[in-house]
């Protein structure tokens, strides 16, 4: 990581996602059993896991962020249930059907190949399992979508790989998830360019 991505961007991201705290809290509390969180980052979600999450694996490709996640783990309830691993969502180091819950929270916008990552999430999720998702997505409003596409090259650079115009619902559906129990909504506290979110529980088909 460079100076900007290591020192400048993380506090900006923390401030920008503060408005999503209650949404993240509501999502993470639904995790149960053996859990995998993709892109655990600095571990901001770790203190939000309830007692029903008996074992939580946090996967993160960046070693610096993973070290920060370790500090967050130490402050969480029952830190011994958290296992942090440096790894790639494109090739998850777990067997088929290993997890009861997979969490994708503000991460599919950044993964280079989200379709491949979604297929891997489906592979490691048990047939009875759940994918908990909270992601900003490509706008369904043509005018805003055009602006997302125009701004995306600069945004992607400034936001360390985050992309504004990912069709995440379509990506998950193509990977074998049923999105009946998810919703698309406008978040009232988020600027228009990133205001539309996919949130809820996706099930394996």
N, C-alpha and C. Protein backbone atom coordinates (compact mmCIF):
# COMPACT_ATOMS: atom_id res chain seq x y z
N UNK A 1 0.84 -1.20 0.00
CA UNK A 1 0.00 0.00 0.00
C UNK A 1 0.87 1.24 0.00
N UNK A 2 0.43 2.28 -0.74
CA UNK A 2 1.14 3.53 -0.71
C UNK A 2 0.69 4.40 0.44
N UNK A 3 1.32 5.59 0.53
CA UNK A 3 0.99 6.49 1.65
C UNK A 3 -0.48 6.88 1.63
N UNK A 4 -1.01 7.21 0.44
CA UNK A 4 -2.41 7.63 0.36
C UNK A 4 -3.35 6.51 0.80
N UNK A 5 -3.15 5.30 0.24
CA UNK A 5 -4.06 4.20 0.54
C UNK A 5 -3.90 3.67 1.96
N UNK A 6 -2.72 3.91 2.54
CA UNK A 6 -2.47 3.39 3.89
C UNK A 6 -2.82 4.40 4.97
N UNK A 7 -2.57 5.70 4.71
CA UNK A 7 -2.73 6.71 5.75
C UNK A 7 -3.90 7.67 5.54
N UNK A 8 -4.17 8.01 4.28
CA UNK A 8 -5.19 9.02 3.99
C UNK A 8 -6.56 8.42 3.77
N UNK A 9 -6.62 7.37 2.92
CA UNK A 9 -7.92 6.84 2.54
C UNK A 9 -8.67 6.15 3.68
N UNK A 10 -8.03 5.34 4.53
CA UNK A 10 -8.80 4.64 5.58
C UNK A 10 -9.63 5.56 6.47
N UNK A 11 -9.08 6.67 7.01
CA UNK A 11 -9.95 7.54 7.82
C UNK A 11 -11.06 8.21 7.01
N UNK A 12 -10.79 8.50 5.72
CA UNK A 12 -11.85 9.04 4.87
C UNK A 12 -12.97 8.02 4.69
N UNK A 13 -12.60 6.76 4.50
CA UNK A 13 -13.59 5.70 4.34
C UNK A 13 -14.39 5.51 5.62
N UNK A 14 -13.71 5.54 6.76
CA UNK A 14 -14.41 5.39 8.04
C UNK A 14 -15.46 6.48 8.21
N UNK A 15 -15.09 7.71 7.84
CA UNK A 15 -16.03 8.82 7.98
C UNK A 15 -17.19 8.67 6.99
N UNK A 16 -16.86 8.25 5.77
CA UNK A 16 -17.90 8.15 4.74
C UNK A 16 -18.90 7.05 5.05
N UNK A 17 -18.47 5.98 5.71
CA UNK A 17 -19.36 4.85 5.99
C UNK A 17 -19.99 4.92 7.38
N UNK A 18 -19.74 5.99 8.10
CA UNK A 18 -20.33 6.13 9.44
C UNK A 18 -21.85 6.11 9.37
N UNK A 19 -22.40 6.68 8.30
CA UNK A 19 -23.86 6.71 8.15
C UNK A 19 -24.45 5.31 7.97
N UNK A 20 -23.61 4.33 7.65
CA UNK A 20 -24.09 2.98 7.42
C UNK A 20 -23.97 2.09 8.65
N UNK A 21 -23.61 2.66 9.79
CA UNK A 21 -23.35 1.84 10.97
C UNK A 21 -24.56 0.99 11.34
N UNK A 22 -25.73 1.58 11.43
CA UNK A 22 -26.92 0.83 11.84
C UNK A 22 -27.28 -0.23 10.80
N UNK A 23 -27.06 0.07 9.53
CA UNK A 23 -27.33 -0.92 8.48
C UNK A 23 -26.39 -2.11 8.61
N UNK A 24 -25.11 -1.82 8.85
CA UNK A 24 -24.13 -2.89 9.05
C UNK A 24 -24.46 -3.69 10.30
N UNK A 25 -24.82 -3.00 11.35
CA UNK A 25 -25.15 -3.68 12.61
C UNK A 25 -26.33 -4.63 12.42
N UNK A 26 -27.37 -4.16 11.74
CA UNK A 26 -28.55 -4.99 11.49
C UNK A 26 -28.20 -6.21 10.65
N UNK A 27 -27.34 -6.03 9.66
CA UNK A 27 -26.94 -7.12 8.78
C UNK A 27 -26.11 -8.16 9.53
N UNK A 28 -25.06 -7.70 10.22
CA UNK A 28 -24.10 -8.61 10.83
C UNK A 28 -24.74 -9.42 11.95
N UNK A 29 -25.71 -8.87 12.63
CA UNK A 29 -26.36 -9.60 13.72
C UNK A 29 -27.13 -10.82 13.23
N UNK A 30 -27.41 -10.90 11.93
CA UNK A 30 -28.12 -12.05 11.39
C UNK A 30 -27.18 -13.22 11.06
N UNK A 31 -25.89 -13.01 11.20
CA UNK A 31 -24.93 -14.08 10.92
C UNK A 31 -25.02 -15.17 11.99
N UNK A 32 -24.92 -16.41 11.54
CA UNK A 32 -24.98 -17.51 12.50
C UNK A 32 -24.09 -18.65 12.03
N UNK A 33 -23.75 -19.51 12.98
CA UNK A 33 -22.93 -20.68 12.68
C UNK A 33 -21.52 -20.31 12.30
N UNK A 34 -20.98 -21.06 11.35
CA UNK A 34 -19.64 -20.78 10.83
C UNK A 34 -19.75 -19.72 9.75
N UNK A 35 -19.03 -18.61 9.92
CA UNK A 35 -19.21 -17.42 9.10
C UNK A 35 -17.92 -17.08 8.36
N UNK A 36 -18.08 -16.62 7.13
CA UNK A 36 -16.97 -16.06 6.36
C UNK A 36 -17.33 -14.63 5.98
N UNK A 37 -16.47 -13.68 6.36
CA UNK A 37 -16.64 -12.31 5.89
C UNK A 37 -15.57 -12.03 4.84
N UNK A 38 -16.04 -11.71 3.63
CA UNK A 38 -15.14 -11.40 2.52
C UNK A 38 -14.68 -9.96 2.65
N UNK A 39 -13.37 -9.72 2.52
CA UNK A 39 -12.86 -8.36 2.60
C UNK A 39 -13.10 -7.74 3.96
N UNK A 40 -12.57 -8.39 4.98
CA UNK A 40 -12.82 -7.94 6.35
C UNK A 40 -12.20 -6.58 6.63
N UNK A 41 -11.26 -6.16 5.78
CA UNK A 41 -10.67 -4.82 5.90
C UNK A 41 -10.02 -4.58 7.24
N UNK A 42 -10.36 -3.45 7.87
CA UNK A 42 -9.76 -3.13 9.17
C UNK A 42 -10.53 -3.73 10.34
N UNK A 43 -11.51 -4.59 10.03
CA UNK A 43 -12.22 -5.29 11.09
C UNK A 43 -13.37 -4.51 11.70
N UNK A 44 -13.88 -3.50 11.00
CA UNK A 44 -14.93 -2.65 11.56
C UNK A 44 -16.18 -3.43 11.93
N UNK A 45 -16.44 -4.54 11.23
CA UNK A 45 -17.65 -5.32 11.52
C UNK A 45 -17.47 -6.33 12.65
N UNK A 46 -16.26 -6.62 13.04
CA UNK A 46 -16.03 -7.71 13.99
C UNK A 46 -16.76 -7.51 15.32
N UNK A 47 -16.78 -6.29 15.89
CA UNK A 47 -17.51 -6.13 17.15
C UNK A 47 -19.02 -6.27 17.02
N UNK A 48 -19.54 -6.35 15.79
CA UNK A 48 -20.99 -6.39 15.58
C UNK A 48 -21.56 -7.80 15.57
N UNK A 49 -20.69 -8.82 15.53
CA UNK A 49 -21.18 -10.19 15.47
C UNK A 49 -21.77 -10.61 16.81
N UNK A 50 -22.96 -11.23 16.74
CA UNK A 50 -23.62 -11.71 17.94
C UNK A 50 -23.17 -13.11 18.32
N UNK A 51 -23.75 -13.63 19.37
CA UNK A 51 -23.36 -14.93 19.90
C UNK A 51 -23.71 -16.07 18.95
N UNK A 52 -24.67 -15.86 18.04
CA UNK A 52 -25.05 -16.93 17.11
C UNK A 52 -23.95 -17.22 16.09
N UNK A 53 -23.02 -16.28 15.92
CA UNK A 53 -21.87 -16.51 15.04
C UNK A 53 -20.79 -17.21 15.86
N UNK A 54 -20.77 -18.54 15.78
CA UNK A 54 -19.90 -19.32 16.66
C UNK A 54 -18.44 -19.33 16.20
N UNK A 55 -18.21 -19.11 14.92
CA UNK A 55 -16.86 -19.14 14.36
C UNK A 55 -16.85 -18.18 13.17
N UNK A 56 -15.97 -17.18 13.20
CA UNK A 56 -15.95 -16.16 12.15
C UNK A 56 -14.58 -16.11 11.50
N UNK A 57 -14.56 -16.32 10.19
CA UNK A 57 -13.33 -16.23 9.40
C UNK A 57 -13.37 -14.91 8.64
N UNK A 58 -12.33 -14.10 8.81
CA UNK A 58 -12.24 -12.83 8.10
C UNK A 58 -11.14 -12.89 7.07
N UNK A 59 -11.49 -12.75 5.80
CA UNK A 59 -10.52 -12.85 4.69
C UNK A 59 -10.21 -11.46 4.18
N UNK A 60 -8.94 -11.16 4.01
CA UNK A 60 -8.51 -9.83 3.55
C UNK A 60 -7.20 -9.98 2.78
N UNK A 61 -7.10 -9.40 1.56
CA UNK A 61 -5.87 -9.54 0.78
C UNK A 61 -4.73 -8.67 1.26
N UNK A 62 -5.01 -7.58 1.96
CA UNK A 62 -3.96 -6.62 2.33
C UNK A 62 -3.48 -6.85 3.76
N UNK A 63 -2.18 -7.04 3.92
CA UNK A 63 -1.61 -7.37 5.22
C UNK A 63 -1.74 -6.22 6.22
N UNK A 64 -1.63 -4.99 5.75
CA UNK A 64 -1.72 -3.85 6.66
C UNK A 64 -3.12 -3.75 7.26
N UNK A 65 -4.14 -3.88 6.41
CA UNK A 65 -5.51 -3.86 6.91
C UNK A 65 -5.78 -5.05 7.83
N UNK A 66 -5.21 -6.18 7.48
CA UNK A 66 -5.42 -7.38 8.30
C UNK A 66 -4.85 -7.19 9.71
N UNK A 67 -3.72 -6.48 9.81
CA UNK A 67 -3.16 -6.19 11.13
C UNK A 67 -4.11 -5.30 11.93
N UNK A 68 -4.75 -4.35 11.27
CA UNK A 68 -5.74 -3.50 11.96
C UNK A 68 -6.94 -4.33 12.38
N UNK A 69 -7.33 -5.29 11.54
CA UNK A 69 -8.43 -6.17 11.90
C UNK A 69 -8.09 -6.99 13.14
N UNK A 70 -6.83 -7.33 13.28
CA UNK A 70 -6.41 -8.06 14.48
C UNK A 70 -6.64 -7.26 15.74
N UNK A 71 -6.43 -5.96 15.67
CA UNK A 71 -6.68 -5.11 16.84
C UNK A 71 -8.18 -5.01 17.13
N UNK A 72 -9.00 -4.96 16.06
CA UNK A 72 -10.44 -4.93 16.25
C UNK A 72 -10.93 -6.25 16.84
N UNK A 73 -10.36 -7.35 16.40
CA UNK A 73 -10.72 -8.66 16.94
C UNK A 73 -10.46 -8.72 18.44
N UNK A 74 -9.34 -8.17 18.87
CA UNK A 74 -8.99 -8.23 20.29
C UNK A 74 -9.97 -7.46 21.16
N UNK A 75 -10.71 -6.51 20.56
CA UNK A 75 -11.68 -5.71 21.31
C UNK A 75 -13.09 -6.28 21.22
N UNK A 76 -13.28 -7.32 20.40
CA UNK A 76 -14.60 -7.90 20.21
C UNK A 76 -14.90 -8.92 21.30
N UNK A 77 -16.19 -9.22 21.46
CA UNK A 77 -16.58 -10.26 22.41
C UNK A 77 -16.10 -11.62 21.92
N UNK A 78 -15.56 -12.42 22.82
CA UNK A 78 -15.05 -13.77 22.50
C UNK A 78 -14.09 -13.74 21.32
N UNK A 79 -12.98 -13.03 21.46
CA UNK A 79 -12.06 -12.89 20.31
C UNK A 79 -11.51 -14.21 19.80
N UNK A 80 -11.54 -15.26 20.62
CA UNK A 80 -11.00 -16.55 20.18
C UNK A 80 -11.80 -17.17 19.05
N UNK A 81 -13.02 -16.71 18.80
CA UNK A 81 -13.83 -17.29 17.72
C UNK A 81 -13.51 -16.69 16.36
N UNK A 82 -12.65 -15.66 16.31
CA UNK A 82 -12.31 -14.99 15.06
C UNK A 82 -10.99 -15.52 14.51
N UNK A 83 -11.00 -15.88 13.24
CA UNK A 83 -9.81 -16.33 12.55
C UNK A 83 -9.59 -15.41 11.34
N UNK A 84 -8.47 -14.72 11.34
CA UNK A 84 -8.17 -13.77 10.27
C UNK A 84 -7.14 -14.36 9.33
N UNK A 85 -7.39 -14.22 8.04
CA UNK A 85 -6.54 -14.86 7.05
C UNK A 85 -6.31 -13.93 5.87
N UNK A 86 -5.05 -13.82 5.46
CA UNK A 86 -4.75 -13.08 4.24
C UNK A 86 -5.05 -13.98 3.05
N UNK A 87 -5.93 -13.52 2.17
CA UNK A 87 -6.31 -14.36 1.05
C UNK A 87 -7.10 -13.59 0.01
N UNK A 88 -7.45 -14.28 -1.05
CA UNK A 88 -8.04 -13.70 -2.26
C UNK A 88 -9.45 -14.25 -2.44
N UNK A 89 -10.44 -13.36 -2.58
CA UNK A 89 -11.82 -13.80 -2.77
C UNK A 89 -12.03 -14.53 -4.08
N UNK A 90 -11.11 -14.38 -5.03
CA UNK A 90 -11.23 -15.08 -6.30
C UNK A 90 -10.95 -16.56 -6.18
N UNK A 91 -10.26 -16.95 -5.11
CA UNK A 91 -9.91 -18.36 -4.91
C UNK A 91 -9.91 -18.62 -3.40
N UNK A 92 -11.07 -18.89 -2.85
CA UNK A 92 -11.21 -19.03 -1.41
C UNK A 92 -10.59 -20.34 -0.93
N UNK A 93 -9.79 -20.28 0.13
CA UNK A 93 -9.07 -21.47 0.61
C UNK A 93 -9.92 -22.32 1.55
N UNK A 94 -11.13 -22.66 1.11
CA UNK A 94 -12.05 -23.44 1.94
C UNK A 94 -12.75 -24.48 1.07
N UNK A 95 -13.17 -25.59 1.68
CA UNK A 95 -13.88 -26.62 0.90
C UNK A 95 -15.31 -26.20 0.57
N UNK A 96 -15.92 -26.94 -0.32
CA UNK A 96 -17.31 -26.68 -0.73
C UNK A 96 -18.25 -26.78 0.47
N UNK A 97 -19.22 -25.87 0.54
CA UNK A 97 -20.27 -25.95 1.55
C UNK A 97 -19.80 -25.81 2.98
N UNK A 98 -18.71 -25.10 3.20
CA UNK A 98 -18.07 -25.06 4.52
C UNK A 98 -18.77 -24.10 5.47
N UNK A 99 -19.44 -23.07 4.97
CA UNK A 99 -19.95 -22.00 5.83
C UNK A 99 -21.48 -21.98 5.86
N UNK A 100 -21.99 -21.60 7.03
CA UNK A 100 -23.43 -21.37 7.19
C UNK A 100 -23.82 -19.97 6.74
N UNK A 101 -22.90 -19.03 6.89
CA UNK A 101 -23.15 -17.63 6.52
C UNK A 101 -21.93 -17.07 5.81
N UNK A 102 -22.15 -16.37 4.73
CA UNK A 102 -21.10 -15.57 4.08
C UNK A 102 -21.57 -14.12 4.11
N UNK A 103 -20.65 -13.21 4.43
CA UNK A 103 -20.96 -11.79 4.52
C UNK A 103 -20.21 -11.04 3.44
N UNK A 104 -20.95 -10.27 2.65
CA UNK A 104 -20.37 -9.36 1.65
C UNK A 104 -20.87 -7.96 1.98
N UNK A 105 -20.04 -7.19 2.64
CA UNK A 105 -20.45 -5.88 3.14
C UNK A 105 -19.49 -4.82 2.60
N UNK A 106 -19.96 -4.04 1.63
CA UNK A 106 -19.16 -2.96 1.05
C UNK A 106 -17.83 -3.46 0.51
N UNK A 107 -17.89 -4.58 -0.20
CA UNK A 107 -16.66 -5.18 -0.71
C UNK A 107 -16.73 -5.53 -2.20
N UNK A 108 -17.92 -5.90 -2.71
CA UNK A 108 -18.01 -6.33 -4.11
C UNK A 108 -17.79 -5.18 -5.08
N UNK A 109 -17.84 -3.96 -4.59
CA UNK A 109 -17.52 -2.80 -5.44
C UNK A 109 -16.04 -2.71 -5.75
N UNK A 110 -15.22 -3.39 -4.97
CA UNK A 110 -13.77 -3.24 -5.06
C UNK A 110 -13.07 -4.47 -5.64
N UNK A 111 -13.62 -5.65 -5.43
CA UNK A 111 -12.99 -6.88 -5.91
C UNK A 111 -12.82 -6.82 -7.44
N UNK A 112 -11.62 -7.09 -7.97
CA UNK A 112 -11.40 -6.94 -9.41
C UNK A 112 -12.34 -7.75 -10.29
N UNK A 113 -12.64 -9.01 -9.90
CA UNK A 113 -13.53 -9.86 -10.69
C UNK A 113 -14.69 -10.30 -9.79
N UNK A 114 -15.73 -9.47 -9.64
CA UNK A 114 -16.80 -9.81 -8.70
C UNK A 114 -17.57 -11.07 -9.10
N UNK A 115 -17.67 -11.36 -10.39
CA UNK A 115 -18.39 -12.56 -10.82
C UNK A 115 -17.68 -13.82 -10.32
N UNK A 116 -16.37 -13.82 -10.42
CA UNK A 116 -15.60 -14.98 -9.94
C UNK A 116 -15.71 -15.09 -8.42
N UNK A 117 -15.63 -13.96 -7.73
CA UNK A 117 -15.76 -13.98 -6.27
C UNK A 117 -17.14 -14.47 -5.86
N UNK A 118 -18.18 -14.05 -6.57
CA UNK A 118 -19.53 -14.50 -6.25
C UNK A 118 -19.68 -16.00 -6.43
N UNK A 119 -19.08 -16.55 -7.46
CA UNK A 119 -19.13 -18.01 -7.67
C UNK A 119 -18.40 -18.73 -6.54
N UNK A 120 -17.29 -18.17 -6.10
CA UNK A 120 -16.56 -18.77 -4.98
C UNK A 120 -17.37 -18.70 -3.68
N UNK A 121 -18.06 -17.59 -3.46
CA UNK A 121 -18.91 -17.48 -2.27
C UNK A 121 -20.02 -18.53 -2.30
N UNK A 122 -20.60 -18.72 -3.47
CA UNK A 122 -21.64 -19.76 -3.58
C UNK A 122 -21.05 -21.14 -3.34
N UNK A 123 -19.85 -21.38 -3.82
CA UNK A 123 -19.23 -22.70 -3.66
C UNK A 123 -19.00 -23.05 -2.20
N UNK A 124 -18.52 -22.08 -1.40
CA UNK A 124 -18.17 -22.39 -0.01
C UNK A 124 -19.37 -22.27 0.93
N UNK A 125 -20.51 -21.83 0.42
CA UNK A 125 -21.70 -21.70 1.25
C UNK A 125 -22.52 -22.98 1.20
N UNK A 126 -22.92 -23.45 2.38
CA UNK A 126 -23.76 -24.65 2.46
C UNK A 126 -25.09 -24.41 1.77
N UNK A 127 -25.73 -25.47 1.31
CA UNK A 127 -26.99 -25.33 0.59
C UNK A 127 -28.08 -24.74 1.48
N UNK A 128 -27.96 -24.91 2.78
CA UNK A 128 -28.93 -24.33 3.71
C UNK A 128 -28.51 -22.93 4.17
N UNK A 129 -27.41 -22.42 3.64
CA UNK A 129 -26.79 -21.22 4.18
C UNK A 129 -27.40 -19.93 3.67
N UNK A 130 -26.78 -18.82 4.08
CA UNK A 130 -27.25 -17.48 3.72
C UNK A 130 -26.07 -16.59 3.37
N UNK A 131 -26.28 -15.77 2.37
CA UNK A 131 -25.34 -14.70 2.02
C UNK A 131 -25.94 -13.40 2.51
N UNK A 132 -25.29 -12.73 3.44
CA UNK A 132 -25.73 -11.43 3.93
C UNK A 132 -25.01 -10.36 3.13
N UNK A 133 -25.76 -9.49 2.49
CA UNK A 133 -25.17 -8.54 1.55
C UNK A 133 -25.63 -7.12 1.84
N UNK A 134 -24.67 -6.20 1.83
CA UNK A 134 -24.93 -4.76 1.88
C UNK A 134 -23.91 -4.12 0.96
N UNK A 135 -24.36 -3.69 -0.22
CA UNK A 135 -23.46 -3.17 -1.24
C UNK A 135 -24.10 -1.99 -1.96
N UNK A 136 -23.30 -0.94 -2.21
CA UNK A 136 -23.80 0.10 -3.11
C UNK A 136 -23.67 -0.41 -4.54
N UNK A 137 -24.61 -0.01 -5.38
CA UNK A 137 -24.74 -0.63 -6.71
C UNK A 137 -24.93 0.44 -7.78
N UNK A 138 -24.88 -0.01 -9.03
CA UNK A 138 -25.14 0.87 -10.16
C UNK A 138 -26.56 1.43 -10.03
N UNK A 139 -26.69 2.71 -10.26
CA UNK A 139 -27.99 3.36 -10.13
C UNK A 139 -28.95 2.85 -11.19
N UNK A 140 -30.22 2.71 -10.80
CA UNK A 140 -31.27 2.37 -11.75
C UNK A 140 -31.84 3.61 -12.43
N UNK A 141 -31.38 4.79 -12.04
CA UNK A 141 -31.80 6.03 -12.68
C UNK A 141 -30.82 6.35 -13.80
N UNK A 142 -31.28 6.42 -15.04
CA UNK A 142 -30.37 6.60 -16.19
C UNK A 142 -29.43 7.80 -16.04
N UNK A 143 -29.94 8.92 -15.57
CA UNK A 143 -29.09 10.11 -15.48
C UNK A 143 -27.96 9.90 -14.47
N UNK A 144 -28.27 9.35 -13.31
CA UNK A 144 -27.24 9.12 -12.29
C UNK A 144 -26.28 8.03 -12.75
N UNK A 145 -26.82 7.01 -13.42
CA UNK A 145 -25.95 5.95 -13.92
C UNK A 145 -24.93 6.49 -14.91
N UNK A 146 -25.37 7.41 -15.78
CA UNK A 146 -24.42 8.01 -16.73
C UNK A 146 -23.34 8.77 -16.00
N UNK A 147 -23.70 9.48 -14.94
CA UNK A 147 -22.70 10.19 -14.16
C UNK A 147 -21.76 9.23 -13.44
N UNK A 148 -22.30 8.12 -12.95
CA UNK A 148 -21.43 7.11 -12.34
C UNK A 148 -20.38 6.62 -13.34
N UNK A 149 -20.80 6.37 -14.55
CA UNK A 149 -19.87 5.88 -15.57
C UNK A 149 -18.84 6.93 -15.95
N UNK A 150 -19.24 8.19 -15.98
CA UNK A 150 -18.30 9.26 -16.31
C UNK A 150 -17.25 9.44 -15.22
N UNK A 151 -17.71 9.41 -14.00
CA UNK A 151 -16.83 9.70 -12.86
C UNK A 151 -16.03 8.48 -12.42
N UNK A 152 -16.49 7.30 -12.79
CA UNK A 152 -15.91 6.07 -12.26
C UNK A 152 -14.39 5.96 -12.43
N UNK A 153 -13.79 6.34 -13.56
CA UNK A 153 -12.33 6.20 -13.66
C UNK A 153 -11.56 6.99 -12.61
N UNK A 154 -12.02 8.21 -12.32
CA UNK A 154 -11.36 9.02 -11.28
C UNK A 154 -11.69 8.48 -9.90
N UNK A 155 -12.97 8.15 -9.70
CA UNK A 155 -13.42 7.62 -8.41
C UNK A 155 -12.64 6.36 -8.05
N UNK A 156 -12.49 5.46 -9.02
CA UNK A 156 -11.81 4.20 -8.78
C UNK A 156 -10.39 4.44 -8.29
N UNK A 157 -9.75 5.45 -8.86
CA UNK A 157 -8.38 5.77 -8.46
C UNK A 157 -8.35 6.36 -7.04
N UNK A 158 -9.24 7.30 -6.76
CA UNK A 158 -9.24 7.97 -5.46
C UNK A 158 -9.74 7.06 -4.34
N UNK A 159 -10.63 6.12 -4.69
CA UNK A 159 -11.24 5.25 -3.67
C UNK A 159 -10.62 3.86 -3.64
N UNK A 160 -9.38 3.77 -4.10
CA UNK A 160 -8.59 2.53 -3.97
C UNK A 160 -9.31 1.32 -4.57
N UNK A 161 -9.83 1.50 -5.78
CA UNK A 161 -10.42 0.38 -6.50
C UNK A 161 -11.92 0.29 -6.46
N UNK A 162 -12.57 1.05 -5.59
CA UNK A 162 -14.03 1.02 -5.51
C UNK A 162 -14.63 1.52 -6.82
N UNK A 163 -15.68 0.83 -7.30
CA UNK A 163 -16.34 1.22 -8.54
C UNK A 163 -17.81 1.55 -8.28
N UNK A 164 -18.29 2.57 -8.98
CA UNK A 164 -19.62 3.09 -8.73
C UNK A 164 -20.73 2.31 -9.42
N UNK A 165 -20.40 1.63 -10.51
CA UNK A 165 -21.45 1.13 -11.41
C UNK A 165 -21.49 -0.39 -11.52
N UNK A 166 -21.29 -1.07 -10.39
CA UNK A 166 -21.34 -2.52 -10.40
C UNK A 166 -22.79 -3.02 -10.35
N UNK A 167 -23.20 -3.91 -11.29
CA UNK A 167 -24.55 -4.50 -11.27
C UNK A 167 -24.57 -5.72 -10.34
N UNK A 168 -24.43 -5.47 -9.05
CA UNK A 168 -24.18 -6.53 -8.09
C UNK A 168 -25.31 -7.54 -7.99
N UNK A 169 -26.55 -7.09 -8.06
CA UNK A 169 -27.67 -8.03 -7.99
C UNK A 169 -27.60 -9.04 -9.14
N UNK A 170 -27.34 -8.57 -10.34
CA UNK A 170 -27.23 -9.46 -11.49
C UNK A 170 -26.05 -10.41 -11.34
N UNK A 171 -24.96 -9.92 -10.80
CA UNK A 171 -23.78 -10.75 -10.60
C UNK A 171 -24.06 -11.89 -9.63
N UNK A 172 -24.73 -11.59 -8.53
CA UNK A 172 -25.05 -12.62 -7.54
C UNK A 172 -26.06 -13.62 -8.09
N UNK A 173 -27.05 -13.13 -8.82
CA UNK A 173 -28.04 -14.04 -9.41
C UNK A 173 -27.38 -15.00 -10.38
N UNK A 174 -26.44 -14.50 -11.19
CA UNK A 174 -25.75 -15.35 -12.15
C UNK A 174 -24.88 -16.39 -11.47
N UNK A 175 -24.45 -16.11 -10.24
CA UNK A 175 -23.60 -17.04 -9.49
C UNK A 175 -24.40 -18.11 -8.76
N UNK A 176 -25.74 -18.01 -8.81
CA UNK A 176 -26.55 -19.05 -8.19
C UNK A 176 -27.25 -18.65 -6.92
N UNK A 177 -27.47 -17.35 -6.71
CA UNK A 177 -28.15 -16.88 -5.50
C UNK A 177 -29.57 -16.43 -5.83
N UNK A 178 -30.49 -16.75 -4.93
CA UNK A 178 -31.86 -16.28 -4.98
C UNK A 178 -31.95 -15.00 -4.16
N UNK A 179 -32.35 -13.90 -4.80
CA UNK A 179 -32.35 -12.59 -4.16
C UNK A 179 -33.74 -12.16 -3.68
N UNK A 180 -34.64 -13.11 -3.52
CA UNK A 180 -36.01 -12.78 -3.12
C UNK A 180 -36.05 -11.97 -1.83
N UNK A 181 -35.18 -12.31 -0.88
CA UNK A 181 -35.19 -11.66 0.43
C UNK A 181 -34.19 -10.50 0.52
N UNK A 182 -33.91 -9.89 -0.61
CA UNK A 182 -33.09 -8.68 -0.63
C UNK A 182 -33.93 -7.53 -1.15
N UNK A 183 -33.42 -6.33 -0.99
CA UNK A 183 -34.10 -5.15 -1.50
C UNK A 183 -33.08 -4.16 -2.04
N UNK A 184 -33.51 -3.31 -2.95
CA UNK A 184 -32.73 -2.18 -3.43
C UNK A 184 -33.40 -0.93 -2.87
N UNK A 185 -32.61 -0.07 -2.24
CA UNK A 185 -33.18 1.12 -1.62
C UNK A 185 -32.22 2.29 -1.71
N UNK A 186 -32.76 3.48 -1.58
CA UNK A 186 -31.97 4.70 -1.52
C UNK A 186 -31.65 5.00 -0.07
N UNK A 187 -30.36 5.10 0.23
CA UNK A 187 -29.99 5.42 1.61
C UNK A 187 -30.10 6.94 1.81
N UNK A 188 -30.87 7.38 2.79
CA UNK A 188 -31.12 8.82 2.92
C UNK A 188 -29.92 9.65 3.36
N UNK A 189 -28.88 8.99 3.88
CA UNK A 189 -27.73 9.74 4.41
C UNK A 189 -26.50 9.66 3.51
N UNK A 190 -26.66 9.11 2.31
CA UNK A 190 -25.54 8.89 1.41
C UNK A 190 -25.73 9.74 0.16
N UNK A 191 -24.66 10.36 -0.39
CA UNK A 191 -24.79 11.16 -1.61
C UNK A 191 -25.34 10.36 -2.79
N UNK A 192 -25.96 11.05 -3.72
CA UNK A 192 -26.71 10.42 -4.80
C UNK A 192 -25.89 9.43 -5.63
N UNK A 193 -24.61 9.72 -5.85
CA UNK A 193 -23.79 8.84 -6.70
C UNK A 193 -23.62 7.45 -6.11
N UNK A 194 -23.72 7.31 -4.79
CA UNK A 194 -23.57 6.00 -4.14
C UNK A 194 -24.76 5.72 -3.22
N UNK A 195 -25.90 6.25 -3.56
CA UNK A 195 -27.06 6.20 -2.66
C UNK A 195 -27.85 4.91 -2.77
N UNK A 196 -27.78 4.22 -3.90
CA UNK A 196 -28.58 3.02 -4.10
C UNK A 196 -27.83 1.78 -3.60
N UNK A 197 -28.52 1.02 -2.77
CA UNK A 197 -27.90 -0.13 -2.10
C UNK A 197 -28.71 -1.39 -2.34
N UNK A 198 -28.00 -2.51 -2.38
CA UNK A 198 -28.59 -3.84 -2.31
C UNK A 198 -28.36 -4.34 -0.89
N UNK A 199 -29.45 -4.76 -0.23
CA UNK A 199 -29.33 -5.18 1.17
C UNK A 199 -30.25 -6.36 1.42
N UNK A 200 -29.77 -7.31 2.22
CA UNK A 200 -30.64 -8.39 2.63
C UNK A 200 -29.95 -9.74 2.65
N UNK A 201 -30.77 -10.79 2.57
CA UNK A 201 -30.29 -12.17 2.66
C UNK A 201 -30.52 -12.87 1.33
N UNK A 202 -29.46 -13.32 0.72
CA UNK A 202 -29.54 -14.12 -0.51
C UNK A 202 -29.35 -15.59 -0.16
N UNK A 203 -30.09 -16.44 -0.83
CA UNK A 203 -30.05 -17.88 -0.56
C UNK A 203 -29.51 -18.64 -1.77
N UNK A 204 -28.81 -19.75 -1.54
CA UNK A 204 -28.37 -20.56 -2.66
C UNK A 204 -29.57 -21.15 -3.41
N UNK A 205 -29.50 -21.17 -4.72
CA UNK A 205 -30.53 -21.82 -5.52
C UNK A 205 -30.18 -23.28 -5.75
